[in-house]
Amino acid sequence: MCGRASQAEIKAYQDKIYRWLHPEAFEPRRNLRPTEPAWIVARHPDGKINTVEARWWCQWDNTYSWEAKYPTFNARVETMKDRKLWQDLLQKGKRCIFPVDSFYEWPVKGRGIPPVEVFVKDKEPFALAGLWSTWHENGQPRYSFASFTTDPNEFMKPLHEKAMPVVLSGPDEQKLWLLEGDIDVLRPYEGEMEFEQLPDTLEHLYPEENRKY
């Protein structure tokens, strides 16, 4: 997964994503990038589940500064238990799901080359599995998160030969991850997928989102 996603269809999320609560400040985005704020459904260590705004670049838990030195917006399933950052969050039960409409890949690499947009069947909204942490800004707690990646399925291999995001197959798998921490759901997606070749770059298609956070 290259690290771009769309989070725009909030009304559809309410029907398809487990315990999605409508945040009043929700802003539809079609070109979400790492380090930027997104909305996630977070499971807290006490079992509470709520919808929170979080930056897509996971920080060490309870840190008092923001750092983007190392890429921590994706957590690789196959090596998650080898990295202390992910071990710590797994042990604390800080699991989350990331509701999206689609994500983007660049089968042909190069500056200025348009990506393809990847959907599940019928372009239904879906959820990616992830982990979240807390960091502090001016003394106030903030959220950050990472989405899981795993080996690509047969559909994804021509688009990205090394990895794909962990797509949870509907509310049942979302519950298994959020409530139970069932790692068996962290696998290549087995459902149908589709993609569309975009006519231009994301920055040209959605220029209103080119601001920096």
N, C-alpha and C. Protein backbone atom coordinates (compact mmCIF):
# COMPACT_ATOMS: atom_id res chain seq x y z
N MET A 1 0.84 -1.18 0.00
CA MET A 1 0.00 0.00 0.00
C MET A 1 0.88 1.23 0.00
N CYS A 2 0.59 2.15 -0.89
CA CYS A 2 1.46 3.32 -1.04
C CYS A 2 1.21 4.39 -0.01
N GLY A 3 0.03 4.41 0.62
CA GLY A 3 -0.23 5.42 1.63
C GLY A 3 -1.11 6.55 1.15
N ARG A 4 -2.09 6.28 0.32
CA ARG A 4 -3.11 7.27 -0.06
C ARG A 4 -4.47 6.59 0.00
N ALA A 5 -5.46 7.29 0.51
CA ALA A 5 -6.79 6.70 0.65
C ALA A 5 -7.86 7.77 0.56
N SER A 6 -9.09 7.32 0.35
CA SER A 6 -10.24 8.21 0.28
C SER A 6 -11.17 7.92 1.46
N GLN A 7 -11.60 8.99 2.10
CA GLN A 7 -12.55 8.88 3.22
C GLN A 7 -13.60 9.98 3.00
N ALA A 8 -14.65 9.62 2.25
CA ALA A 8 -15.60 10.65 1.82
C ALA A 8 -17.06 10.32 2.05
N GLU A 9 -17.42 9.06 2.19
CA GLU A 9 -18.84 8.67 2.18
C GLU A 9 -19.36 8.37 3.58
N ILE A 10 -19.48 9.39 4.41
CA ILE A 10 -19.83 9.17 5.81
C ILE A 10 -21.19 8.52 5.98
N LYS A 11 -22.18 8.87 5.17
CA LYS A 11 -23.50 8.27 5.31
C LYS A 11 -23.45 6.77 5.05
N ALA A 12 -22.64 6.36 4.08
CA ALA A 12 -22.51 4.93 3.79
C ALA A 12 -21.76 4.21 4.90
N TYR A 13 -20.80 4.87 5.54
CA TYR A 13 -20.06 4.25 6.63
C TYR A 13 -20.98 3.84 7.77
N GLN A 14 -21.96 4.68 8.04
CA GLN A 14 -22.84 4.41 9.18
C GLN A 14 -23.56 3.08 9.04
N ASP A 15 -23.77 2.63 7.82
CA ASP A 15 -24.44 1.35 7.58
C ASP A 15 -23.47 0.18 7.49
N LYS A 16 -22.24 0.45 7.08
CA LYS A 16 -21.32 -0.63 6.74
C LYS A 16 -20.18 -0.83 7.73
N ILE A 17 -19.85 0.18 8.52
CA ILE A 17 -18.68 0.10 9.39
C ILE A 17 -19.12 -0.03 10.84
N TYR A 18 -18.56 -0.98 11.54
CA TYR A 18 -18.98 -1.29 12.90
C TYR A 18 -18.84 -0.09 13.83
N ARG A 19 -19.96 0.26 14.47
CA ARG A 19 -20.01 1.32 15.47
C ARG A 19 -19.43 2.64 14.97
N TRP A 20 -19.64 2.94 13.72
CA TRP A 20 -19.21 4.25 13.23
C TRP A 20 -20.16 5.30 13.80
N LEU A 21 -19.63 6.24 14.57
CA LEU A 21 -20.42 7.32 15.15
C LEU A 21 -20.11 8.60 14.36
N HIS A 22 -21.13 9.33 14.07
CA HIS A 22 -20.99 10.51 13.21
C HIS A 22 -20.27 11.65 13.95
N PRO A 23 -19.01 11.92 13.62
CA PRO A 23 -18.33 13.05 14.25
C PRO A 23 -18.79 14.36 13.60
N GLU A 24 -19.11 15.35 14.39
CA GLU A 24 -19.64 16.60 13.85
C GLU A 24 -18.63 17.30 12.95
N ALA A 25 -17.34 17.11 13.23
CA ALA A 25 -16.31 17.82 12.48
C ALA A 25 -15.84 17.07 11.24
N PHE A 26 -16.54 16.00 10.86
CA PHE A 26 -16.09 15.19 9.72
C PHE A 26 -15.96 16.03 8.46
N GLU A 27 -14.82 15.90 7.81
CA GLU A 27 -14.56 16.60 6.54
C GLU A 27 -14.22 15.55 5.48
N PRO A 28 -15.06 15.39 4.46
CA PRO A 28 -14.76 14.39 3.41
C PRO A 28 -13.41 14.67 2.77
N ARG A 29 -12.65 13.60 2.54
CA ARG A 29 -11.34 13.73 1.90
C ARG A 29 -11.21 12.64 0.84
N ARG A 30 -10.67 13.00 -0.32
CA ARG A 30 -10.44 12.04 -1.39
C ARG A 30 -8.96 11.75 -1.60
N ASN A 31 -8.10 12.47 -0.92
CA ASN A 31 -6.66 12.28 -1.09
C ASN A 31 -5.96 12.35 0.27
N LEU A 32 -6.30 11.42 1.15
CA LEU A 32 -5.67 11.35 2.46
C LEU A 32 -4.24 10.85 2.32
N ARG A 33 -3.32 11.57 2.95
CA ARG A 33 -1.90 11.23 2.88
C ARG A 33 -1.35 10.97 4.27
N PRO A 34 -0.30 10.16 4.40
CA PRO A 34 0.33 9.96 5.70
C PRO A 34 0.71 11.30 6.34
N THR A 35 0.61 11.33 7.65
CA THR A 35 0.80 12.48 8.57
C THR A 35 -0.44 13.36 8.66
N GLU A 36 -1.45 13.15 7.80
CA GLU A 36 -2.63 13.98 7.83
C GLU A 36 -3.72 13.38 8.72
N PRO A 37 -4.66 14.21 9.20
CA PRO A 37 -5.73 13.70 10.07
C PRO A 37 -6.79 12.93 9.29
N ALA A 38 -7.25 11.86 9.90
CA ALA A 38 -8.34 11.04 9.35
C ALA A 38 -9.23 10.65 10.53
N TRP A 39 -10.35 10.00 10.23
CA TRP A 39 -11.24 9.51 11.28
C TRP A 39 -11.11 8.00 11.39
N ILE A 40 -10.94 7.52 12.62
CA ILE A 40 -10.83 6.09 12.88
C ILE A 40 -11.82 5.70 13.98
N VAL A 41 -12.15 4.42 14.03
CA VAL A 41 -12.93 3.87 15.14
C VAL A 41 -11.95 3.14 16.04
N ALA A 42 -11.76 3.66 17.26
CA ALA A 42 -10.71 3.17 18.15
C ALA A 42 -11.28 2.37 19.31
N ARG A 43 -10.62 1.27 19.60
CA ARG A 43 -10.96 0.45 20.77
C ARG A 43 -9.94 0.79 21.86
N HIS A 44 -10.43 1.24 23.04
CA HIS A 44 -9.56 1.64 24.14
C HIS A 44 -9.28 0.46 25.06
N PRO A 45 -8.19 0.53 25.84
CA PRO A 45 -7.86 -0.58 26.74
C PRO A 45 -8.97 -0.95 27.71
N ASP A 46 -9.85 0.02 28.07
CA ASP A 46 -10.96 -0.30 28.97
C ASP A 46 -12.16 -0.88 28.25
N GLY A 47 -12.03 -1.09 26.94
CA GLY A 47 -13.11 -1.67 26.16
C GLY A 47 -13.99 -0.65 25.46
N LYS A 48 -13.86 0.62 25.79
CA LYS A 48 -14.66 1.66 25.15
C LYS A 48 -14.29 1.78 23.68
N ILE A 49 -15.30 2.01 22.83
CA ILE A 49 -15.08 2.20 21.40
C ILE A 49 -15.68 3.53 20.99
N ASN A 50 -14.89 4.37 20.34
CA ASN A 50 -15.43 5.63 19.85
C ASN A 50 -14.72 6.07 18.57
N THR A 51 -15.29 7.06 17.93
CA THR A 51 -14.74 7.60 16.70
C THR A 51 -13.90 8.82 17.03
N VAL A 52 -12.65 8.82 16.57
CA VAL A 52 -11.74 9.91 16.92
C VAL A 52 -10.96 10.35 15.68
N GLU A 53 -10.51 11.59 15.73
CA GLU A 53 -9.62 12.08 14.68
C GLU A 53 -8.19 11.69 15.05
N ALA A 54 -7.45 11.18 14.08
CA ALA A 54 -6.09 10.71 14.35
C ALA A 54 -5.21 10.98 13.15
N ARG A 55 -3.95 11.27 13.40
CA ARG A 55 -3.00 11.47 12.30
C ARG A 55 -2.47 10.12 11.82
N TRP A 56 -2.41 9.99 10.52
CA TRP A 56 -2.01 8.73 9.89
C TRP A 56 -0.49 8.61 9.87
N TRP A 57 0.08 8.40 11.04
CA TRP A 57 1.53 8.20 11.21
C TRP A 57 1.74 7.90 12.68
N CYS A 58 1.81 6.65 13.02
CA CYS A 58 1.72 6.23 14.41
C CYS A 58 2.95 6.67 15.22
N GLN A 59 2.70 7.24 16.39
CA GLN A 59 3.75 7.67 17.30
C GLN A 59 3.93 6.65 18.43
N TRP A 60 5.07 6.71 19.09
CA TRP A 60 5.23 5.91 20.30
C TRP A 60 4.18 6.36 21.30
N ASP A 61 3.57 5.42 22.00
CA ASP A 61 2.45 5.74 22.87
C ASP A 61 2.85 6.68 24.00
N ASN A 62 2.00 7.70 24.22
CA ASN A 62 2.17 8.68 25.30
C ASN A 62 3.43 9.53 25.17
N THR A 63 3.87 9.78 23.94
CA THR A 63 4.98 10.70 23.74
C THR A 63 4.48 12.14 23.79
N TYR A 64 5.41 13.07 23.99
CA TYR A 64 5.06 14.47 24.13
C TYR A 64 5.62 15.32 23.00
N SER A 65 5.81 14.69 21.87
CA SER A 65 6.23 15.44 20.68
C SER A 65 5.84 14.63 19.45
N TRP A 66 5.79 15.32 18.32
CA TRP A 66 5.45 14.67 17.05
C TRP A 66 6.73 14.40 16.28
N GLU A 67 6.83 13.19 15.72
CA GLU A 67 8.01 12.85 14.93
C GLU A 67 7.60 12.05 13.72
N ALA A 68 8.16 12.41 12.56
CA ALA A 68 7.88 11.67 11.33
C ALA A 68 9.18 11.21 10.68
N LYS A 69 10.16 10.89 11.52
CA LYS A 69 11.47 10.48 11.01
C LYS A 69 11.42 9.13 10.34
N TYR A 70 10.69 8.19 10.95
CA TYR A 70 10.59 6.84 10.41
C TYR A 70 9.17 6.57 9.93
N PRO A 71 9.01 5.85 8.82
CA PRO A 71 7.66 5.60 8.30
C PRO A 71 6.88 4.61 9.17
N THR A 72 5.89 5.12 9.88
CA THR A 72 5.09 4.27 10.76
C THR A 72 3.61 4.42 10.44
N PHE A 73 3.29 4.72 9.18
CA PHE A 73 1.87 4.80 8.82
C PHE A 73 1.32 3.44 8.43
N ASN A 74 2.20 2.48 8.14
CA ASN A 74 1.81 1.10 7.88
C ASN A 74 2.49 0.17 8.88
N ALA A 75 1.77 -0.86 9.31
CA ALA A 75 2.32 -1.89 10.18
C ALA A 75 2.23 -3.22 9.44
N ARG A 76 3.35 -3.82 9.14
CA ARG A 76 3.37 -5.07 8.39
C ARG A 76 2.97 -6.24 9.29
N VAL A 77 1.94 -6.98 8.90
CA VAL A 77 1.43 -8.08 9.71
C VAL A 77 2.50 -9.12 10.00
N GLU A 78 3.26 -9.48 8.97
CA GLU A 78 4.22 -10.58 9.09
C GLU A 78 5.36 -10.26 10.05
N THR A 79 5.61 -8.99 10.34
CA THR A 79 6.73 -8.62 11.23
C THR A 79 6.26 -7.79 12.43
N MET A 80 4.95 -7.71 12.66
CA MET A 80 4.45 -6.81 13.70
C MET A 80 4.96 -7.20 15.09
N LYS A 81 5.14 -8.49 15.34
CA LYS A 81 5.59 -8.91 16.66
C LYS A 81 7.09 -8.73 16.86
N ASP A 82 7.80 -8.32 15.80
CA ASP A 82 9.24 -8.09 15.89
C ASP A 82 9.56 -6.63 16.20
N ARG A 83 8.57 -5.76 16.14
CA ARG A 83 8.81 -4.34 16.36
C ARG A 83 8.18 -3.93 17.68
N LYS A 84 8.95 -3.28 18.52
CA LYS A 84 8.49 -2.92 19.87
C LYS A 84 7.29 -1.99 19.82
N LEU A 85 7.25 -1.07 18.86
CA LEU A 85 6.12 -0.14 18.75
C LEU A 85 4.81 -0.89 18.61
N TRP A 86 4.77 -1.87 17.69
CA TRP A 86 3.53 -2.61 17.47
C TRP A 86 3.25 -3.58 18.62
N GLN A 87 4.31 -4.18 19.18
CA GLN A 87 4.13 -5.07 20.33
C GLN A 87 3.44 -4.34 21.48
N ASP A 88 3.88 -3.14 21.75
CA ASP A 88 3.34 -2.35 22.86
C ASP A 88 1.86 -2.05 22.65
N LEU A 89 1.48 -1.64 21.45
CA LEU A 89 0.09 -1.30 21.17
C LEU A 89 -0.80 -2.55 21.15
N LEU A 90 -0.27 -3.65 20.63
CA LEU A 90 -1.03 -4.90 20.64
C LEU A 90 -1.31 -5.35 22.07
N GLN A 91 -0.31 -5.27 22.93
CA GLN A 91 -0.48 -5.69 24.32
C GLN A 91 -1.49 -4.81 25.05
N LYS A 92 -1.55 -3.54 24.70
CA LYS A 92 -2.49 -2.62 25.34
C LYS A 92 -3.89 -2.71 24.74
N GLY A 93 -4.02 -3.45 23.65
CA GLY A 93 -5.32 -3.57 23.01
C GLY A 93 -5.76 -2.33 22.27
N LYS A 94 -4.80 -1.53 21.81
CA LYS A 94 -5.14 -0.28 21.11
C LYS A 94 -5.35 -0.57 19.62
N ARG A 95 -6.49 -1.20 19.35
CA ARG A 95 -6.82 -1.59 17.99
C ARG A 95 -7.79 -0.57 17.38
N CYS A 96 -7.79 -0.46 16.06
CA CYS A 96 -8.70 0.46 15.41
C CYS A 96 -9.06 -0.06 14.02
N ILE A 97 -10.09 0.55 13.46
CA ILE A 97 -10.40 0.35 12.05
C ILE A 97 -10.45 1.72 11.39
N PHE A 98 -10.08 1.74 10.13
CA PHE A 98 -9.94 2.95 9.34
C PHE A 98 -10.96 2.87 8.20
N PRO A 99 -12.12 3.54 8.33
CA PRO A 99 -13.14 3.47 7.27
C PRO A 99 -12.70 4.24 6.03
N VAL A 100 -12.79 3.60 4.88
CA VAL A 100 -12.41 4.25 3.62
C VAL A 100 -13.37 3.84 2.51
N ASP A 101 -13.29 4.59 1.41
CA ASP A 101 -14.04 4.25 0.20
C ASP A 101 -13.15 3.50 -0.79
N SER A 102 -11.86 3.87 -0.75
CA SER A 102 -10.91 3.30 -1.72
C SER A 102 -9.50 3.64 -1.25
N PHE A 103 -8.51 3.04 -1.91
CA PHE A 103 -7.12 3.45 -1.73
C PHE A 103 -6.47 3.47 -3.10
N TYR A 104 -5.28 4.02 -3.17
CA TYR A 104 -4.62 4.26 -4.46
C TYR A 104 -3.29 3.51 -4.55
N GLU A 105 -2.99 3.11 -5.77
CA GLU A 105 -1.70 2.48 -6.05
C GLU A 105 -1.14 3.01 -7.37
N TRP A 106 0.18 2.92 -7.50
CA TRP A 106 0.87 3.36 -8.70
C TRP A 106 1.60 2.17 -9.34
N PRO A 107 0.92 1.38 -10.19
CA PRO A 107 1.60 0.26 -10.85
C PRO A 107 2.76 0.75 -11.71
N VAL A 108 2.60 1.93 -12.30
CA VAL A 108 3.68 2.56 -13.07
C VAL A 108 4.22 3.71 -12.23
N LYS A 109 5.48 3.61 -11.85
CA LYS A 109 6.07 4.60 -10.97
C LYS A 109 6.58 5.79 -11.78
N GLY A 110 6.63 6.93 -11.12
CA GLY A 110 7.20 8.10 -11.77
C GLY A 110 6.48 9.37 -11.38
N ARG A 111 7.19 10.46 -11.39
CA ARG A 111 6.63 11.75 -11.02
C ARG A 111 5.54 12.16 -12.02
N GLY A 112 4.38 12.54 -11.49
CA GLY A 112 3.31 13.04 -12.34
C GLY A 112 2.47 11.97 -13.01
N ILE A 113 2.69 10.69 -12.66
CA ILE A 113 1.91 9.61 -13.27
C ILE A 113 0.65 9.36 -12.44
N PRO A 114 -0.52 9.35 -13.05
CA PRO A 114 -1.76 9.12 -12.31
C PRO A 114 -1.80 7.72 -11.70
N PRO A 115 -2.42 7.58 -10.55
CA PRO A 115 -2.56 6.26 -9.93
C PRO A 115 -3.81 5.55 -10.40
N VAL A 116 -3.99 4.32 -9.92
CA VAL A 116 -5.27 3.62 -10.05
C VAL A 116 -5.96 3.72 -8.69
N GLU A 117 -7.29 3.74 -8.72
CA GLU A 117 -8.08 3.76 -7.50
C GLU A 117 -8.67 2.38 -7.29
N VAL A 118 -8.45 1.81 -6.11
CA VAL A 118 -8.83 0.43 -5.82
C VAL A 118 -10.05 0.41 -4.89
N PHE A 119 -11.03 -0.42 -5.27
CA PHE A 119 -12.28 -0.55 -4.52
C PHE A 119 -12.54 -2.03 -4.18
N VAL A 120 -13.44 -2.25 -3.23
CA VAL A 120 -14.01 -3.58 -3.11
C VAL A 120 -15.21 -3.64 -4.05
N LYS A 121 -15.82 -4.82 -4.20
CA LYS A 121 -16.90 -5.03 -5.16
C LYS A 121 -18.03 -4.01 -4.97
N ASP A 122 -18.51 -3.48 -6.09
CA ASP A 122 -19.62 -2.52 -6.13
C ASP A 122 -19.29 -1.20 -5.45
N LYS A 123 -18.01 -0.96 -5.20
CA LYS A 123 -17.55 0.31 -4.61
C LYS A 123 -18.18 0.59 -3.25
N GLU A 124 -18.42 -0.49 -2.51
CA GLU A 124 -18.95 -0.34 -1.16
C GLU A 124 -17.85 0.19 -0.23
N PRO A 125 -18.20 1.00 0.78
CA PRO A 125 -17.20 1.41 1.76
C PRO A 125 -16.70 0.21 2.55
N PHE A 126 -15.48 0.28 3.04
CA PHE A 126 -14.90 -0.84 3.78
C PHE A 126 -13.98 -0.30 4.87
N ALA A 127 -13.44 -1.21 5.66
CA ALA A 127 -12.58 -0.81 6.78
C ALA A 127 -11.23 -1.51 6.70
N LEU A 128 -10.18 -0.76 7.01
CA LEU A 128 -8.84 -1.31 7.13
C LEU A 128 -8.53 -1.51 8.61
N ALA A 129 -7.79 -2.56 8.92
CA ALA A 129 -7.40 -2.85 10.30
C ALA A 129 -6.17 -2.02 10.66
N GLY A 130 -6.09 -1.61 11.93
CA GLY A 130 -4.94 -0.83 12.35
C GLY A 130 -4.73 -0.81 13.84
N LEU A 131 -3.74 -0.01 14.26
CA LEU A 131 -3.41 0.22 15.65
C LEU A 131 -3.30 1.73 15.87
N TRP A 132 -3.61 2.18 17.09
CA TRP A 132 -3.53 3.60 17.37
C TRP A 132 -2.71 3.86 18.63
N SER A 133 -2.27 5.09 18.78
CA SER A 133 -1.52 5.49 19.96
C SER A 133 -1.89 6.92 20.33
N THR A 134 -1.41 7.37 21.47
CA THR A 134 -1.64 8.73 21.94
C THR A 134 -0.32 9.50 21.96
N TRP A 135 -0.37 10.73 21.47
CA TRP A 135 0.76 11.64 21.62
C TRP A 135 0.19 12.96 22.14
N HIS A 136 1.03 13.90 22.50
CA HIS A 136 0.56 15.14 23.13
C HIS A 136 1.06 16.36 22.35
N GLU A 137 0.17 17.30 22.21
CA GLU A 137 0.49 18.57 21.54
C GLU A 137 0.05 19.71 22.46
N ASN A 138 1.03 20.51 22.89
CA ASN A 138 0.75 21.60 23.84
C ASN A 138 0.03 21.08 25.09
N GLY A 139 0.45 19.89 25.52
CA GLY A 139 -0.12 19.31 26.72
C GLY A 139 -1.43 18.58 26.53
N GLN A 140 -1.99 18.62 25.32
CA GLN A 140 -3.27 17.98 25.05
C GLN A 140 -3.07 16.64 24.34
N PRO A 141 -3.79 15.60 24.76
CA PRO A 141 -3.63 14.30 24.09
C PRO A 141 -4.20 14.32 22.69
N ARG A 142 -3.50 13.69 21.78
CA ARG A 142 -3.93 13.54 20.40
C ARG A 142 -3.78 12.08 20.00
N TYR A 143 -4.43 11.70 18.91
CA TYR A 143 -4.37 10.33 18.43
C TYR A 143 -3.52 10.25 17.16
N SER A 144 -2.87 9.10 17.01
CA SER A 144 -2.22 8.76 15.74
C SER A 144 -2.48 7.28 15.48
N PHE A 145 -2.27 6.85 14.24
CA PHE A 145 -2.56 5.44 13.94
C PHE A 145 -1.75 4.95 12.76
N ALA A 146 -1.73 3.63 12.62
CA ALA A 146 -1.13 2.95 11.47
C ALA A 146 -2.13 1.94 10.95
N SER A 147 -2.15 1.73 9.65
CA SER A 147 -2.99 0.68 9.05
C SER A 147 -2.11 -0.51 8.72
N PHE A 148 -2.66 -1.71 8.86
CA PHE A 148 -1.90 -2.93 8.60
C PHE A 148 -1.76 -3.20 7.10
N THR A 149 -0.63 -3.77 6.73
CA THR A 149 -0.44 -4.30 5.38
C THR A 149 -0.01 -5.76 5.49
N THR A 150 -0.26 -6.49 4.41
CA THR A 150 0.11 -7.90 4.36
C THR A 150 0.46 -8.26 2.92
N ASP A 151 0.69 -9.54 2.66
CA ASP A 151 1.02 -9.96 1.30
C ASP A 151 -0.14 -9.65 0.35
N PRO A 152 0.13 -9.29 -0.89
CA PRO A 152 -0.95 -8.99 -1.83
C PRO A 152 -1.69 -10.25 -2.26
N ASN A 153 -2.99 -10.11 -2.50
CA ASN A 153 -3.74 -11.22 -3.11
C ASN A 153 -3.50 -11.22 -4.62
N GLU A 154 -4.10 -12.13 -5.34
CA GLU A 154 -3.84 -12.25 -6.78
C GLU A 154 -4.30 -11.01 -7.53
N PHE A 155 -5.38 -10.39 -7.09
CA PHE A 155 -5.85 -9.17 -7.74
C PHE A 155 -4.83 -8.04 -7.59
N MET A 156 -4.23 -7.93 -6.41
CA MET A 156 -3.36 -6.80 -6.12
C MET A 156 -1.94 -6.94 -6.65
N LYS A 157 -1.48 -8.15 -6.89
CA LYS A 157 -0.09 -8.34 -7.29
C LYS A 157 0.33 -7.51 -8.49
N PRO A 158 -0.49 -7.38 -9.56
CA PRO A 158 -0.07 -6.53 -10.67
C PRO A 158 -0.02 -5.04 -10.32
N LEU A 159 -0.73 -4.66 -9.25
CA LEU A 159 -0.77 -3.25 -8.85
C LEU A 159 0.30 -2.91 -7.84
N HIS A 160 0.59 -3.85 -6.95
CA HIS A 160 1.65 -3.68 -5.95
C HIS A 160 2.12 -5.07 -5.58
N GLU A 161 3.30 -5.43 -6.01
CA GLU A 161 3.76 -6.82 -5.88
C GLU A 161 4.20 -7.19 -4.46
N LYS A 162 4.34 -6.21 -3.57
CA LYS A 162 4.88 -6.52 -2.25
C LYS A 162 3.85 -6.50 -1.13
N ALA A 163 2.80 -5.69 -1.25
CA ALA A 163 1.90 -5.55 -0.11
C ALA A 163 0.55 -5.01 -0.53
N MET A 164 -0.43 -5.20 0.36
CA MET A 164 -1.74 -4.60 0.23
C MET A 164 -2.26 -4.30 1.64
N PRO A 165 -3.18 -3.36 1.79
CA PRO A 165 -3.75 -3.11 3.12
C PRO A 165 -4.61 -4.28 3.57
N VAL A 166 -4.76 -4.43 4.88
CA VAL A 166 -5.62 -5.47 5.43
C VAL A 166 -7.05 -4.96 5.41
N VAL A 167 -7.84 -5.50 4.48
CA VAL A 167 -9.25 -5.14 4.33
C VAL A 167 -10.08 -6.13 5.15
N LEU A 168 -10.88 -5.63 6.06
CA LEU A 168 -11.73 -6.48 6.88
C LEU A 168 -13.05 -6.74 6.15
N SER A 169 -13.43 -8.00 6.09
CA SER A 169 -14.60 -8.41 5.30
C SER A 169 -15.90 -8.20 6.08
N GLY A 170 -16.34 -6.97 6.17
CA GLY A 170 -17.63 -6.67 6.76
C GLY A 170 -17.62 -6.53 8.27
N PRO A 171 -18.78 -6.19 8.85
CA PRO A 171 -18.89 -5.92 10.29
C PRO A 171 -18.44 -7.07 11.19
N ASP A 172 -18.64 -8.32 10.77
CA ASP A 172 -18.24 -9.44 11.63
C ASP A 172 -16.74 -9.45 11.85
N GLU A 173 -15.97 -9.27 10.78
CA GLU A 173 -14.51 -9.24 10.94
C GLU A 173 -14.07 -7.96 11.66
N GLN A 174 -14.78 -6.88 11.44
CA GLN A 174 -14.45 -5.65 12.15
C GLN A 174 -14.61 -5.85 13.66
N LYS A 175 -15.67 -6.55 14.07
CA LYS A 175 -15.89 -6.84 15.48
C LYS A 175 -14.81 -7.78 16.02
N LEU A 176 -14.45 -8.79 15.23
CA LEU A 176 -13.42 -9.72 15.68
C LEU A 176 -12.11 -9.00 15.94
N TRP A 177 -11.77 -8.04 15.10
CA TRP A 177 -10.53 -7.30 15.31
C TRP A 177 -10.66 -6.32 16.47
N LEU A 178 -11.70 -5.48 16.46
CA LEU A 178 -11.84 -4.48 17.50
C LEU A 178 -12.05 -5.09 18.88
N LEU A 179 -12.97 -6.02 18.99
CA LEU A 179 -13.37 -6.54 20.29
C LEU A 179 -12.47 -7.66 20.80
N GLU A 180 -12.04 -8.53 19.88
CA GLU A 180 -11.31 -9.74 20.29
C GLU A 180 -9.81 -9.68 19.99
N GLY A 181 -9.40 -8.83 19.08
CA GLY A 181 -8.00 -8.82 18.68
C GLY A 181 -7.60 -10.08 17.93
N ASP A 182 -8.54 -10.62 17.17
CA ASP A 182 -8.31 -11.87 16.43
C ASP A 182 -7.35 -11.61 15.27
N ILE A 183 -6.12 -12.09 15.38
CA ILE A 183 -5.13 -11.82 14.33
C ILE A 183 -5.36 -12.66 13.08
N ASP A 184 -6.24 -13.64 13.15
CA ASP A 184 -6.54 -14.44 11.96
C ASP A 184 -7.22 -13.61 10.87
N VAL A 185 -7.83 -12.48 11.24
CA VAL A 185 -8.48 -11.64 10.22
C VAL A 185 -7.46 -10.75 9.50
N LEU A 186 -6.22 -10.74 9.98
CA LEU A 186 -5.18 -9.91 9.36
C LEU A 186 -4.52 -10.70 8.24
N ARG A 187 -5.22 -10.81 7.12
CA ARG A 187 -4.76 -11.64 6.01
C ARG A 187 -5.13 -10.95 4.69
N PRO A 188 -4.60 -11.44 3.58
CA PRO A 188 -4.98 -10.87 2.28
C PRO A 188 -6.48 -10.97 2.05
N TYR A 189 -7.05 -9.96 1.48
CA TYR A 189 -8.50 -9.91 1.27
C TYR A 189 -8.94 -11.00 0.31
N GLU A 190 -10.02 -11.69 0.66
CA GLU A 190 -10.50 -12.81 -0.15
C GLU A 190 -11.72 -12.46 -0.99
N GLY A 191 -12.26 -11.27 -0.84
CA GLY A 191 -13.42 -10.86 -1.62
C GLY A 191 -13.05 -10.29 -2.98
N GLU A 192 -14.06 -9.88 -3.72
CA GLU A 192 -13.84 -9.31 -5.04
C GLU A 192 -13.42 -7.86 -4.93
N MET A 193 -12.53 -7.47 -5.84
CA MET A 193 -12.04 -6.10 -5.89
C MET A 193 -12.07 -5.60 -7.31
N GLU A 194 -11.96 -4.30 -7.48
CA GLU A 194 -11.92 -3.68 -8.80
C GLU A 194 -11.08 -2.41 -8.72
N PHE A 195 -10.67 -1.92 -9.87
CA PHE A 195 -9.93 -0.66 -9.86
C PHE A 195 -10.26 0.16 -11.10
N GLU A 196 -9.96 1.45 -11.02
CA GLU A 196 -10.13 2.36 -12.14
C GLU A 196 -8.85 3.16 -12.33
N GLN A 197 -8.44 3.32 -13.57
CA GLN A 197 -7.30 4.16 -13.87
C GLN A 197 -7.75 5.63 -13.82
N LEU A 198 -7.11 6.43 -12.99
CA LEU A 198 -7.48 7.84 -12.90
C LEU A 198 -6.87 8.63 -14.06
N PRO A 199 -7.55 9.70 -14.50
CA PRO A 199 -7.07 10.45 -15.66
C PRO A 199 -5.96 11.44 -15.33
N ASP A 200 -5.74 11.72 -14.06
CA ASP A 200 -4.75 12.72 -13.67
C ASP A 200 -4.24 12.40 -12.28
N THR A 201 -3.27 13.18 -11.81
CA THR A 201 -2.75 12.97 -10.47
C THR A 201 -3.78 13.38 -9.42
N LEU A 202 -3.63 12.88 -8.22
CA LEU A 202 -4.54 13.23 -7.14
C LEU A 202 -4.46 14.71 -6.81
N GLU A 203 -3.27 15.28 -6.91
CA GLU A 203 -3.09 16.69 -6.60
C GLU A 203 -3.84 17.58 -7.60
N HIS A 204 -3.92 17.14 -8.85
CA HIS A 204 -4.66 17.89 -9.86
C HIS A 204 -6.16 17.63 -9.77
N LEU A 205 -6.53 16.40 -9.42
CA LEU A 205 -7.95 16.07 -9.32
C LEU A 205 -8.61 16.70 -8.10
N TYR A 206 -7.84 16.82 -7.01
CA TYR A 206 -8.40 17.36 -5.77
C TYR A 206 -7.50 18.48 -5.23
N PRO A 207 -7.39 19.58 -5.98
CA PRO A 207 -6.45 20.65 -5.59
C PRO A 207 -6.80 21.30 -4.26
N GLU A 208 -8.07 21.26 -3.86
CA GLU A 208 -8.46 21.86 -2.58
C GLU A 208 -7.87 21.13 -1.39
N GLU A 209 -7.33 19.92 -1.61
CA GLU A 209 -6.75 19.14 -0.51
C GLU A 209 -5.23 19.22 -0.47
N ASN A 210 -4.64 20.11 -1.24
CA ASN A 210 -3.19 20.19 -1.31
C ASN A 210 -2.57 20.98 -0.17
N ARG A 211 -3.38 21.47 0.76
CA ARG A 211 -2.84 22.22 1.89
C ARG A 211 -2.02 21.32 2.80
N LYS A 212 -1.13 21.91 3.54
CA LYS A 212 -0.30 21.15 4.48
C LYS A 212 -0.90 21.23 5.88
N TYR A 213 -0.74 20.13 6.61
CA TYR A 213 -1.27 20.07 7.98
C TYR A 213 -0.13 20.23 8.98
